[in-house]
Amino acid sequence: GDLPTFAALAERGTVARLGNSMEKLPGGIWPEVMTGRSLGRVPLYYH
């Protein structure tokens, strides 16, 4: 009950658990989130 907005999001909507490259190229997490393109093809892994 400490985060009512997130409680409402889970109740009113859908929650997805997402895989990532955090055990491969963790520094490129945001380019993958925001482009939908794998670090294996667009290797922006350590700015």
ModelCIF file with pLDDT and N, C-alpha, C, O atoms, coordinates in Angstrom:
data_MODEL
#
_entry.id   MODEL 
#
_entity.id                         1 
_entity.type                       polymer 
_entity.pdbx_number_of_molecules   1 
#
_entity_poly.entity_id                      1 
_entity_poly.type                           'polypeptide(L)' 
_entity_poly.nstd_linkage                   no 
_entity_poly.nstd_monomer                   no 
_entity_poly.pdbx_seq_one_letter_code       GDLPTFAALAERGTVARLGNSMEKLPGGIWPEVMTGRSLGRVPLYYH 
_entity_poly.pdbx_seq_one_letter_code_can   GDLPTFAALAERGTVARLGNSMEKLPGGIWPEVMTGRSLGRVPLYYH 
_entity_poly.pdbx_strand_id                 A 
#
loop_
_entity_poly_seq.entity_id 
_entity_poly_seq.num 
_entity_poly_seq.mon_id 
_entity_poly_seq.hetero 
1 1  GLY n 
1 2  ASP n 
1 3  LEU n 
1 4  PRO n 
1 5  THR n 
1 6  PHE n 
1 7  ALA n 
1 8  ALA n 
1 9  LEU n 
1 10 ALA n 
1 11 GLU n 
1 12 ARG n 
1 13 GLY n 
1 14 THR n 
1 15 VAL n 
1 16 ALA n 
1 17 ARG n 
1 18 LEU n 
1 19 GLY n 
1 20 ASN n 
1 21 SER n 
1 22 MET n 
1 23 GLU n 
1 24 LYS n 
1 25 LEU n 
1 26 PRO n 
1 27 GLY n 
1 28 GLY n 
1 29 ILE n 
1 30 TRP n 
1 31 PRO n 
1 32 GLU n 
1 33 VAL n 
1 34 MET n 
1 35 THR n 
1 36 GLY n 
1 37 ARG n 
1 38 SER n 
1 39 LEU n 
1 40 GLY n 
1 41 ARG n 
1 42 VAL n 
1 43 PRO n 
1 44 LEU n 
1 45 TYR n 
1 46 TYR n 
1 47 HIS n 
#
_struct_asym.id          A 
_struct_asym.entity_id   1 
#
loop_
_ma_qa_metric.id 
_ma_qa_metric.mode 
_ma_qa_metric.name 
_ma_qa_metric.software_group_id 
_ma_qa_metric.type 
1 global pLDDT . pLDDT 
2 local  pLDDT . pLDDT 
#
_ma_qa_metric_global.metric_id      1 
_ma_qa_metric_global.metric_value   97.40 
_ma_qa_metric_global.model_id       1 
_ma_qa_metric_global.ordinal_id     1 
#
loop_
_ma_qa_metric_local.label_asym_id 
_ma_qa_metric_local.label_comp_id 
_ma_qa_metric_local.label_seq_id 
_ma_qa_metric_local.metric_id 
_ma_qa_metric_local.metric_value 
_ma_qa_metric_local.model_id 
_ma_qa_metric_local.ordinal_id 
A GLY 1  2 97.00 1 1  
A ASP 2  2 98.00 1 2  
A LEU 3  2 98.00 1 3  
A PRO 4  2 98.00 1 4  
A THR 5  2 98.00 1 5  
A PHE 6  2 98.00 1 6  
A ALA 7  2 98.00 1 7  
A ALA 8  2 97.00 1 8  
A LEU 9  2 97.00 1 9  
A ALA 10 2 96.00 1 10 
A GLU 11 2 97.00 1 11 
A ARG 12 2 96.00 1 12 
A GLY 13 2 97.00 1 13 
A THR 14 2 97.00 1 14 
A VAL 15 2 98.00 1 15 
A ALA 16 2 98.00 1 16 
A ARG 17 2 97.00 1 17 
A LEU 18 2 98.00 1 18 
A GLY 19 2 98.00 1 19 
A ASN 20 2 98.00 1 20 
A SER 21 2 97.00 1 21 
A MET 22 2 98.00 1 22 
A GLU 23 2 98.00 1 23 
A LYS 24 2 98.00 1 24 
A LEU 25 2 98.00 1 25 
A PRO 26 2 98.00 1 26 
A GLY 27 2 97.00 1 27 
A GLY 28 2 97.00 1 28 
A ILE 29 2 98.00 1 29 
A TRP 30 2 98.00 1 30 
A PRO 31 2 98.00 1 31 
A GLU 32 2 98.00 1 32 
A VAL 33 2 98.00 1 33 
A MET 34 2 98.00 1 34 
A THR 35 2 98.00 1 35 
A GLY 36 2 98.00 1 36 
A ARG 37 2 98.00 1 37 
A SER 38 2 98.00 1 38 
A LEU 39 2 98.00 1 39 
A GLY 40 2 97.00 1 40 
A ARG 41 2 97.00 1 41 
A VAL 42 2 97.00 1 42 
A PRO 43 2 96.00 1 43 
A LEU 44 2 96.00 1 44 
A TYR 45 2 96.00 1 45 
A TYR 46 2 96.00 1 46 
A HIS 47 2 95.00 1 47 
#
loop_
_atom_site.group_PDB 
_atom_site.id 
_atom_site.type_symbol 
_atom_site.label_atom_id 
_atom_site.label_alt_id 
_atom_site.label_comp_id 
_atom_site.label_asym_id 
_atom_site.label_entity_id 
_atom_site.label_seq_id 
_atom_site.pdbx_PDB_ins_code 
_atom_site.Cartn_x 
_atom_site.Cartn_y 
_atom_site.Cartn_z 
_atom_site.occupancy 
_atom_site.B_iso_or_equiv 
_atom_site.pdbx_formal_charge 
_atom_site.auth_seq_id 
_atom_site.auth_comp_id 
_atom_site.auth_asym_id 
_atom_site.auth_atom_id 
_atom_site.pdbx_PDB_model_num 
ATOM 1   N N  . GLY A 1 1  ? 0.782  -1.221  0.000   1.00 97.00 ? 1  GLY A N  1 
ATOM 2   C CA . GLY A 1 1  ? 0.000  0.000   0.000   1.00 97.00 ? 1  GLY A CA 1 
ATOM 3   C C  . GLY A 1 1  ? 0.814  1.270   0.000   1.00 97.00 ? 1  GLY A C  1 
ATOM 4   O O  . GLY A 1 1  ? 0.260  2.365   0.100   1.00 97.00 ? 1  GLY A O  1 
ATOM 5   N N  . ASP A 1 2  ? 2.140  1.138   -0.112  1.00 98.00 ? 2  ASP A N  1 
ATOM 6   C CA . ASP A 1 2  ? 3.003  2.324   -0.099  1.00 98.00 ? 2  ASP A CA 1 
ATOM 7   C C  . ASP A 1 2  ? 3.085  2.991   -1.466  1.00 98.00 ? 2  ASP A C  1 
ATOM 8   O O  . ASP A 1 2  ? 3.421  4.171   -1.558  1.00 98.00 ? 2  ASP A O  1 
ATOM 9   N N  . LEU A 1 3  ? 2.780  2.249   -2.527  1.00 98.00 ? 3  LEU A N  1 
ATOM 10  C CA . LEU A 1 3  ? 2.846  2.773   -3.892  1.00 98.00 ? 3  LEU A CA 1 
ATOM 11  C C  . LEU A 1 3  ? 1.485  2.569   -4.547  1.00 98.00 ? 3  LEU A C  1 
ATOM 12  O O  . LEU A 1 3  ? 1.306  1.630   -5.322  1.00 98.00 ? 3  LEU A O  1 
ATOM 13  N N  . PRO A 1 4  ? 0.534  3.430   -4.247  1.00 98.00 ? 4  PRO A N  1 
ATOM 14  C CA . PRO A 1 4  ? -0.838 3.205   -4.734  1.00 98.00 ? 4  PRO A CA 1 
ATOM 15  C C  . PRO A 1 4  ? -0.978 3.252   -6.252  1.00 98.00 ? 4  PRO A C  1 
ATOM 16  O O  . PRO A 1 4  ? -1.832 2.566   -6.813  1.00 98.00 ? 4  PRO A O  1 
ATOM 17  N N  . THR A 1 5  ? -0.153 4.052   -6.920  1.00 98.00 ? 5  THR A N  1 
ATOM 18  C CA . THR A 1 5  ? -0.252 4.100   -8.381  1.00 98.00 ? 5  THR A CA 1 
ATOM 19  C C  . THR A 1 5  ? 0.135  2.763   -8.986  1.00 98.00 ? 5  THR A C  1 
ATOM 20  O O  . THR A 1 5  ? -0.547 2.275   -9.888  1.00 98.00 ? 5  THR A O  1 
ATOM 21  N N  . PHE A 1 6  ? 1.225  2.159   -8.505  1.00 98.00 ? 6  PHE A N  1 
ATOM 22  C CA . PHE A 1 6  ? 1.635  0.858   -9.039  1.00 98.00 ? 6  PHE A CA 1 
ATOM 23  C C  . PHE A 1 6  ? 0.651  -0.234  -8.646  1.00 98.00 ? 6  PHE A C  1 
ATOM 24  O O  . PHE A 1 6  ? 0.450  -1.183  -9.404  1.00 98.00 ? 6  PHE A O  1 
ATOM 25  N N  . ALA A 1 7  ? 0.033  -0.115  -7.473  1.00 98.00 ? 7  ALA A N  1 
ATOM 26  C CA . ALA A 1 7  ? -0.999 -1.074  -7.094  1.00 98.00 ? 7  ALA A CA 1 
ATOM 27  C C  . ALA A 1 7  ? -2.178 -0.994  -8.059  1.00 98.00 ? 7  ALA A C  1 
ATOM 28  O O  . ALA A 1 7  ? -2.733 -2.017  -8.461  1.00 98.00 ? 7  ALA A O  1 
ATOM 29  N N  . ALA A 1 8  ? -2.554 0.225   -8.423  1.00 97.00 ? 8  ALA A N  1 
ATOM 30  C CA . ALA A 1 8  ? -3.667 0.405   -9.352  1.00 97.00 ? 8  ALA A CA 1 
ATOM 31  C C  . ALA A 1 8  ? -3.307 -0.081  -10.748 1.00 97.00 ? 8  ALA A C  1 
ATOM 32  O O  . ALA A 1 8  ? -4.147 -0.656  -11.440 1.00 97.00 ? 8  ALA A O  1 
ATOM 33  N N  . LEU A 1 9  ? -2.064 0.145   -11.170 1.00 97.00 ? 9  LEU A N  1 
ATOM 34  C CA . LEU A 1 9  ? -1.628 -0.330  -12.483 1.00 97.00 ? 9  LEU A CA 1 
ATOM 35  C C  . LEU A 1 9  ? -1.744 -1.847  -12.576 1.00 97.00 ? 9  LEU A C  1 
ATOM 36  O O  . LEU A 1 9  ? -2.216 -2.370  -13.585 1.00 97.00 ? 9  LEU A O  1 
ATOM 37  N N  . ALA A 1 10 ? -1.314 -2.559  -11.529 1.00 96.00 ? 10 ALA A N  1 
ATOM 38  C CA . ALA A 1 10 ? -1.375 -4.021  -11.544 1.00 96.00 ? 10 ALA A CA 1 
ATOM 39  C C  . ALA A 1 10 ? -2.813 -4.512  -11.511 1.00 96.00 ? 10 ALA A C  1 
ATOM 40  O O  . ALA A 1 10 ? -3.135 -5.532  -12.121 1.00 96.00 ? 10 ALA A O  1 
ATOM 41  N N  . GLU A 1 11 ? -3.688 -3.791  -10.798 1.00 97.00 ? 11 GLU A N  1 
ATOM 42  C CA . GLU A 1 11 ? -5.088 -4.203  -10.685 1.00 97.00 ? 11 GLU A CA 1 
ATOM 43  C C  . GLU A 1 11 ? -5.868 -3.905  -11.962 1.00 97.00 ? 11 GLU A C  1 
ATOM 44  O O  . GLU A 1 11 ? -6.697 -4.707  -12.393 1.00 97.00 ? 11 GLU A O  1 
ATOM 45  N N  . ARG A 1 12 ? -5.597 -2.743  -12.564 1.00 96.00 ? 12 ARG A N  1 
ATOM 46  C CA . ARG A 1 12 ? -6.389 -2.298  -13.721 1.00 96.00 ? 12 ARG A CA 1 
ATOM 47  C C  . ARG A 1 12 ? -5.818 -2.742  -15.060 1.00 96.00 ? 12 ARG A C  1 
ATOM 48  O O  . ARG A 1 12 ? -6.505 -2.676  -16.079 1.00 96.00 ? 12 ARG A O  1 
ATOM 49  N N  . GLY A 1 13 ? -4.558 -3.196  -15.067 1.00 97.00 ? 13 GLY A N  1 
ATOM 50  C CA . GLY A 1 13 ? -3.921 -3.494  -16.337 1.00 97.00 ? 13 GLY A CA 1 
ATOM 51  C C  . GLY A 1 13 ? -3.146 -4.791  -16.346 1.00 97.00 ? 13 GLY A C  1 
ATOM 52  O O  . GLY A 1 13 ? -3.440 -5.719  -15.593 1.00 97.00 ? 13 GLY A O  1 
ATOM 53  N N  . THR A 1 14 ? -2.152 -4.837  -17.212 1.00 97.00 ? 14 THR A N  1 
ATOM 54  C CA . THR A 1 14 ? -1.333 -6.025  -17.438 1.00 97.00 ? 14 THR A CA 1 
ATOM 55  C C  . THR A 1 14 ? 0.100  -5.744  -17.014 1.00 97.00 ? 14 THR A C  1 
ATOM 56  O O  . THR A 1 14 ? 0.629  -4.662  -17.265 1.00 97.00 ? 14 THR A O  1 
ATOM 57  N N  . VAL A 1 15 ? 0.721  -6.718  -16.375 1.00 98.00 ? 15 VAL A N  1 
ATOM 58  C CA . VAL A 1 15 ? 2.124  -6.625  -15.971 1.00 98.00 ? 15 VAL A CA 1 
ATOM 59  C C  . VAL A 1 15 ? 2.918  -7.673  -16.741 1.00 98.00 ? 15 VAL A C  1 
ATOM 60  O O  . VAL A 1 15 ? 2.538  -8.843  -16.772 1.00 98.00 ? 15 VAL A O  1 
ATOM 61  N N  . ALA A 1 16 ? 4.022  -7.255  -17.362 1.00 98.00 ? 16 ALA A N  1 
ATOM 62  C CA . ALA A 1 16 ? 4.864  -8.176  -18.128 1.00 98.00 ? 16 ALA A CA 1 
ATOM 63  C C  . ALA A 1 16 ? 6.251  -8.237  -17.509 1.00 98.00 ? 16 ALA A C  1 
ATOM 64  O O  . ALA A 1 16 ? 6.881  -7.210  -17.257 1.00 98.00 ? 16 ALA A O  1 
ATOM 65  N N  . ARG A 1 17 ? 6.707  -9.435  -17.272 1.00 97.00 ? 17 ARG A N  1 
ATOM 66  C CA . ARG A 1 17 ? 8.092  -9.644  -16.839 1.00 97.00 ? 17 ARG A CA 1 
ATOM 67  C C  . ARG A 1 17 ? 8.947  -9.757  -18.101 1.00 97.00 ? 17 ARG A C  1 
ATOM 68  O O  . ARG A 1 17 ? 8.649  -10.556 -18.989 1.00 97.00 ? 17 ARG A O  1 
ATOM 69  N N  . LEU A 1 18 ? 10.007 -8.956  -18.175 1.00 98.00 ? 18 LEU A N  1 
ATOM 70  C CA . LEU A 1 18 ? 10.775 -8.838  -19.408 1.00 98.00 ? 18 LEU A CA 1 
ATOM 71  C C  . LEU A 1 18 ? 12.183 -9.397  -19.256 1.00 98.00 ? 18 LEU A C  1 
ATOM 72  O O  . LEU A 1 18 ? 12.879 -9.112  -18.282 1.00 98.00 ? 18 LEU A O  1 
ATOM 73  N N  . GLY A 1 19 ? 12.590 -10.197 -20.238 1.00 98.00 ? 19 GLY A N  1 
ATOM 74  C CA . GLY A 1 19 ? 13.986 -10.595 -20.326 1.00 98.00 ? 19 GLY A CA 1 
ATOM 75  C C  . GLY A 1 19 ? 14.814 -9.432  -20.861 1.00 98.00 ? 19 GLY A C  1 
ATOM 76  O O  . GLY A 1 19 ? 14.269 -8.440  -21.345 1.00 98.00 ? 19 GLY A O  1 
ATOM 77  N N  . ASN A 1 20 ? 16.134 -9.564  -20.769 1.00 98.00 ? 20 ASN A N  1 
ATOM 78  C CA . ASN A 1 20 ? 17.017 -8.466  -21.173 1.00 98.00 ? 20 ASN A CA 1 
ATOM 79  C C  . ASN A 1 20 ? 18.433 -8.990  -21.391 1.00 98.00 ? 20 ASN A C  1 
ATOM 80  O O  . ASN A 1 20 ? 18.689 -10.191 -21.315 1.00 98.00 ? 20 ASN A O  1 
ATOM 81  N N  . SER A 1 21 ? 19.338 -8.068  -21.660 1.00 97.00 ? 21 SER A N  1 
ATOM 82  C CA . SER A 1 21 ? 20.749 -8.410  -21.875 1.00 97.00 ? 21 SER A CA 1 
ATOM 83  C C  . SER A 1 21 ? 21.615 -8.055  -20.673 1.00 97.00 ? 21 SER A C  1 
ATOM 84  O O  . SER A 1 21 ? 22.811 -7.805  -20.823 1.00 97.00 ? 21 SER A O  1 
ATOM 85  N N  . MET A 1 22 ? 21.020 -8.032  -19.478 1.00 98.00 ? 22 MET A N  1 
ATOM 86  C CA . MET A 1 22 ? 21.749 -7.580  -18.293 1.00 98.00 ? 22 MET A CA 1 
ATOM 87  C C  . MET A 1 22 ? 22.858 -8.532  -17.876 1.00 98.00 ? 22 MET A C  1 
ATOM 88  O O  . MET A 1 22 ? 23.731 -8.138  -17.102 1.00 98.00 ? 22 MET A O  1 
ATOM 89  N N  . GLU A 1 23 ? 22.858 -9.769  -18.359 1.00 98.00 ? 23 GLU A N  1 
ATOM 90  C CA . GLU A 1 23 ? 23.957 -10.686 -18.070 1.00 98.00 ? 23 GLU A CA 1 
ATOM 91  C C  . GLU A 1 23 ? 24.832 -10.895 -19.296 1.00 98.00 ? 23 GLU A C  1 
ATOM 92  O O  . GLU A 1 23 ? 25.611 -11.846 -19.368 1.00 98.00 ? 23 GLU A O  1 
ATOM 93  N N  . LYS A 1 24 ? 24.690 -9.991  -20.259 1.00 98.00 ? 24 LYS A N  1 
ATOM 94  C CA . LYS A 1 24 ? 25.540 -10.035 -21.464 1.00 98.00 ? 24 LYS A CA 1 
ATOM 95  C C  . LYS A 1 24 ? 26.165 -8.668  -21.707 1.00 98.00 ? 24 LYS A C  1 
ATOM 96  O O  . LYS A 1 24 ? 27.375 -8.502  -21.556 1.00 98.00 ? 24 LYS A O  1 
ATOM 97  N N  . LEU A 1 25 ? 25.341 -7.683  -22.084 1.00 98.00 ? 25 LEU A N  1 
ATOM 98  C CA . LEU A 1 25 ? 25.808 -6.317  -22.334 1.00 98.00 ? 25 LEU A CA 1 
ATOM 99  C C  . LEU A 1 25 ? 24.890 -5.353  -21.592 1.00 98.00 ? 25 LEU A C  1 
ATOM 100 O O  . LEU A 1 25 ? 24.058 -4.690  -22.211 1.00 98.00 ? 25 LEU A O  1 
ATOM 101 N N  . PRO A 1 26 ? 25.033 -5.268  -20.267 1.00 98.00 ? 26 PRO A N  1 
ATOM 102 C CA . PRO A 1 26 ? 24.064 -4.518  -19.453 1.00 98.00 ? 26 PRO A CA 1 
ATOM 103 C C  . PRO A 1 26 ? 24.026 -3.030  -19.734 1.00 98.00 ? 26 PRO A C  1 
ATOM 104 O O  . PRO A 1 26 ? 22.986 -2.400  -19.542 1.00 98.00 ? 26 PRO A O  1 
ATOM 105 N N  . GLY A 1 27 ? 25.138 -2.443  -20.187 1.00 97.00 ? 27 GLY A N  1 
ATOM 106 C CA . GLY A 1 27 ? 25.169 -1.006  -20.420 1.00 97.00 ? 27 GLY A CA 1 
ATOM 107 C C  . GLY A 1 27 ? 24.318 -0.547  -21.574 1.00 97.00 ? 27 GLY A C  1 
ATOM 108 O O  . GLY A 1 27 ? 24.114 0.653   -21.754 1.00 97.00 ? 27 GLY A O  1 
ATOM 109 N N  . GLY A 1 28 ? 23.807 -1.492  -22.374 1.00 97.00 ? 28 GLY A N  1 
ATOM 110 C CA . GLY A 1 28 ? 22.986 -1.145  -23.520 1.00 97.00 ? 28 GLY A CA 1 
ATOM 111 C C  . GLY A 1 28 ? 21.503 -1.360  -23.301 1.00 97.00 ? 28 GLY A C  1 
ATOM 112 O O  . GLY A 1 28 ? 20.747 -1.473  -24.265 1.00 97.00 ? 28 GLY A O  1 
ATOM 113 N N  . ILE A 1 29 ? 21.067 -1.421  -22.032 1.00 98.00 ? 29 ILE A N  1 
ATOM 114 C CA . ILE A 1 29 ? 19.669 -1.729  -21.747 1.00 98.00 ? 29 ILE A CA 1 
ATOM 115 C C  . ILE A 1 29 ? 18.721 -0.704  -22.360 1.00 98.00 ? 29 ILE A C  1 
ATOM 116 O O  . ILE A 1 29 ? 17.696 -1.081  -22.927 1.00 98.00 ? 29 ILE A O  1 
ATOM 117 N N  . TRP A 1 30 ? 19.046 0.593   -22.258 1.00 98.00 ? 30 TRP A N  1 
ATOM 118 C CA . TRP A 1 30 ? 18.106 1.600   -22.756 1.00 98.00 ? 30 TRP A CA 1 
ATOM 119 C C  . TRP A 1 30 ? 18.025 1.632   -24.285 1.00 98.00 ? 30 TRP A C  1 
ATOM 120 O O  . TRP A 1 30 ? 16.920 1.756   -24.812 1.00 98.00 ? 30 TRP A O  1 
ATOM 121 N N  . PRO A 1 31 ? 19.127 1.529   -25.019 1.00 98.00 ? 31 PRO A N  1 
ATOM 122 C CA . PRO A 1 31 ? 18.964 1.431   -26.472 1.00 98.00 ? 31 PRO A CA 1 
ATOM 123 C C  . PRO A 1 31 ? 18.084 0.263   -26.901 1.00 98.00 ? 31 PRO A C  1 
ATOM 124 O O  . PRO A 1 31 ? 17.326 0.382   -27.864 1.00 98.00 ? 31 PRO A O  1 
ATOM 125 N N  . GLU A 1 32 ? 18.177 -0.863  -26.197 1.00 98.00 ? 32 GLU A N  1 
ATOM 126 C CA . GLU A 1 32 ? 17.300 -1.981  -26.553 1.00 98.00 ? 32 GLU A CA 1 
ATOM 127 C C  . GLU A 1 32 ? 15.844 -1.657  -26.231 1.00 98.00 ? 32 GLU A C  1 
ATOM 128 O O  . GLU A 1 32 ? 14.953 -1.958  -27.026 1.00 98.00 ? 32 GLU A O  1 
ATOM 129 N N  . VAL A 1 33 ? 15.592 -1.042  -25.061 1.00 98.00 ? 33 VAL A N  1 
ATOM 130 C CA . VAL A 1 33 ? 14.223 -0.679  -24.696 1.00 98.00 ? 33 VAL A CA 1 
ATOM 131 C C  . VAL A 1 33 ? 13.622 0.273   -25.724 1.00 98.00 ? 33 VAL A C  1 
ATOM 132 O O  . VAL A 1 33 ? 12.485 0.093   -26.161 1.00 98.00 ? 33 VAL A O  1 
ATOM 133 N N  . MET A 1 34 ? 14.395 1.291   -26.105 1.00 98.00 ? 34 MET A N  1 
ATOM 134 C CA . MET A 1 34 ? 13.846 2.401   -26.885 1.00 98.00 ? 34 MET A CA 1 
ATOM 135 C C  . MET A 1 34 ? 13.927 2.221   -28.404 1.00 98.00 ? 34 MET A C  1 
ATOM 136 O O  . MET A 1 34 ? 13.347 3.007   -29.153 1.00 98.00 ? 34 MET A O  1 
ATOM 137 N N  . THR A 1 35 ? 14.640 1.199   -28.855 1.00 98.00 ? 35 THR A N  1 
ATOM 138 C CA . THR A 1 35 ? 14.714 0.973   -30.296 1.00 98.00 ? 35 THR A CA 1 
ATOM 139 C C  . THR A 1 35 ? 14.104 -0.347  -30.731 1.00 98.00 ? 35 THR A C  1 
ATOM 140 O O  . THR A 1 35 ? 13.678 -0.475  -31.879 1.00 98.00 ? 35 THR A O  1 
ATOM 141 N N  . GLY A 1 36 ? 14.049 -1.339  -29.836 1.00 98.00 ? 36 GLY A N  1 
ATOM 142 C CA . GLY A 1 36 ? 13.571 -2.666  -30.225 1.00 98.00 ? 36 GLY A CA 1 
ATOM 143 C C  . GLY A 1 36 ? 14.564 -3.433  -31.056 1.00 98.00 ? 36 GLY A C  1 
ATOM 144 O O  . GLY A 1 36 ? 14.211 -4.427  -31.690 1.00 98.00 ? 36 GLY A O  1 
ATOM 145 N N  . ARG A 1 37 ? 15.822 -2.978  -31.062 1.00 98.00 ? 37 ARG A N  1 
ATOM 146 C CA . ARG A 1 37 ? 16.873 -3.618  -31.867 1.00 98.00 ? 37 ARG A CA 1 
ATOM 147 C C  . ARG A 1 37 ? 17.940 -4.198  -30.946 1.00 98.00 ? 37 ARG A C  1 
ATOM 148 O O  . ARG A 1 37 ? 18.385 -3.542  -30.005 1.00 98.00 ? 37 ARG A O  1 
ATOM 149 N N  . SER A 1 38 ? 18.342 -5.425  -31.225 1.00 98.00 ? 38 SER A N  1 
ATOM 150 C CA . SER A 1 38 ? 19.273 -6.151  -30.376 1.00 98.00 ? 38 SER A CA 1 
ATOM 151 C C  . SER A 1 38 ? 20.663 -5.533  -30.397 1.00 98.00 ? 38 SER A C  1 
ATOM 152 O O  . SER A 1 38 ? 21.118 -5.019  -31.419 1.00 98.00 ? 38 SER A O  1 
ATOM 153 N N  . LEU A 1 39 ? 21.336 -5.593  -29.233 1.00 98.00 ? 39 LEU A N  1 
ATOM 154 C CA . LEU A 1 39 ? 22.721 -5.149  -29.139 1.00 98.00 ? 39 LEU A CA 1 
ATOM 155 C C  . LEU A 1 39 ? 23.653 -6.012  -29.975 1.00 98.00 ? 39 LEU A C  1 
ATOM 156 O O  . LEU A 1 39 ? 24.778 -5.606  -30.270 1.00 98.00 ? 39 LEU A O  1 
ATOM 157 N N  . GLY A 1 40 ? 23.208 -7.171  -30.351 1.00 97.00 ? 40 GLY A N  1 
ATOM 158 C CA . GLY A 1 40 ? 24.019 -7.997  -31.239 1.00 97.00 ? 40 GLY A CA 1 
ATOM 159 C C  . GLY A 1 40 ? 24.122 -7.419  -32.632 1.00 97.00 ? 40 GLY A C  1 
ATOM 160 O O  . GLY A 1 40 ? 25.071 -7.715  -33.358 1.00 97.00 ? 40 GLY A O  1 
ATOM 161 N N  . ARG A 1 41 ? 23.153 -6.596  -33.018 1.00 97.00 ? 41 ARG A N  1 
ATOM 162 C CA . ARG A 1 41 ? 23.167 -5.972  -34.351 1.00 97.00 ? 41 ARG A CA 1 
ATOM 163 C C  . ARG A 1 41 ? 23.582 -4.500  -34.286 1.00 97.00 ? 41 ARG A C  1 
ATOM 164 O O  . ARG A 1 41 ? 24.286 -4.007  -35.168 1.00 97.00 ? 41 ARG A O  1 
ATOM 165 N N  . VAL A 1 42 ? 23.138 -3.805  -33.235 1.00 97.00 ? 42 VAL A N  1 
ATOM 166 C CA . VAL A 1 42 ? 23.456 -2.379  -33.062 1.00 97.00 ? 42 VAL A CA 1 
ATOM 167 C C  . VAL A 1 42 ? 24.141 -2.261  -31.703 1.00 97.00 ? 42 VAL A C  1 
ATOM 168 O O  . VAL A 1 42 ? 23.485 -1.930  -30.715 1.00 97.00 ? 42 VAL A O  1 
ATOM 169 N N  . PRO A 1 43 ? 25.442 -2.524  -31.633 1.00 96.00 ? 43 PRO A N  1 
ATOM 170 C CA . PRO A 1 43 ? 26.133 -2.723  -30.355 1.00 96.00 ? 43 PRO A CA 1 
ATOM 171 C C  . PRO A 1 43 ? 26.487 -1.421  -29.630 1.00 96.00 ? 43 PRO A C  1 
ATOM 172 O O  . PRO A 1 43 ? 27.650 -1.021  -29.577 1.00 96.00 ? 43 PRO A O  1 
ATOM 173 N N  . LEU A 1 44 ? 25.464 -0.773  -29.075 1.00 96.00 ? 44 LEU A N  1 
ATOM 174 C CA . LEU A 1 44 ? 25.678 0.436   -28.265 1.00 96.00 ? 44 LEU A CA 1 
ATOM 175 C C  . LEU A 1 44 ? 25.722 0.016   -26.806 1.00 96.00 ? 44 LEU A C  1 
ATOM 176 O O  . LEU A 1 44 ? 24.826 0.348   -26.030 1.00 96.00 ? 44 LEU A O  1 
ATOM 177 N N  . TYR A 1 45 ? 26.781 -0.724  -26.431 1.00 96.00 ? 45 TYR A N  1 
ATOM 178 C CA . TYR A 1 45 ? 26.761 -1.411  -25.152 1.00 96.00 ? 45 TYR A CA 1 
ATOM 179 C C  . TYR A 1 45 ? 27.501 -0.702  -24.029 1.00 96.00 ? 45 TYR A C  1 
ATOM 180 O O  . TYR A 1 45 ? 27.292 -1.037  -22.863 1.00 96.00 ? 45 TYR A O  1 
ATOM 181 N N  . TYR A 1 46 ? 28.354 0.263   -24.335 1.00 96.00 ? 46 TYR A N  1 
ATOM 182 C CA . TYR A 1 46 ? 29.038 0.975   -23.249 1.00 96.00 ? 46 TYR A CA 1 
ATOM 183 C C  . TYR A 1 46 ? 29.393 2.378   -23.731 1.00 96.00 ? 46 TYR A C  1 
ATOM 184 O O  . TYR A 1 46 ? 30.494 2.620   -24.225 1.00 96.00 ? 46 TYR A O  1 
ATOM 185 N N  . HIS A 1 47 ? 28.440 3.296   -23.578 1.00 95.00 ? 47 HIS A N  1 
ATOM 186 C CA . HIS A 1 47 ? 28.571 4.624   -24.148 1.00 95.00 ? 47 HIS A CA 1 
ATOM 187 C C  . HIS A 1 47 ? 29.798 5.402   -23.670 1.00 95.00 ? 47 HIS A C  1 
ATOM 188 O O  . HIS A 1 47 ? 30.010 6.541   -24.089 1.00 95.00 ? 47 HIS A O  1 
#
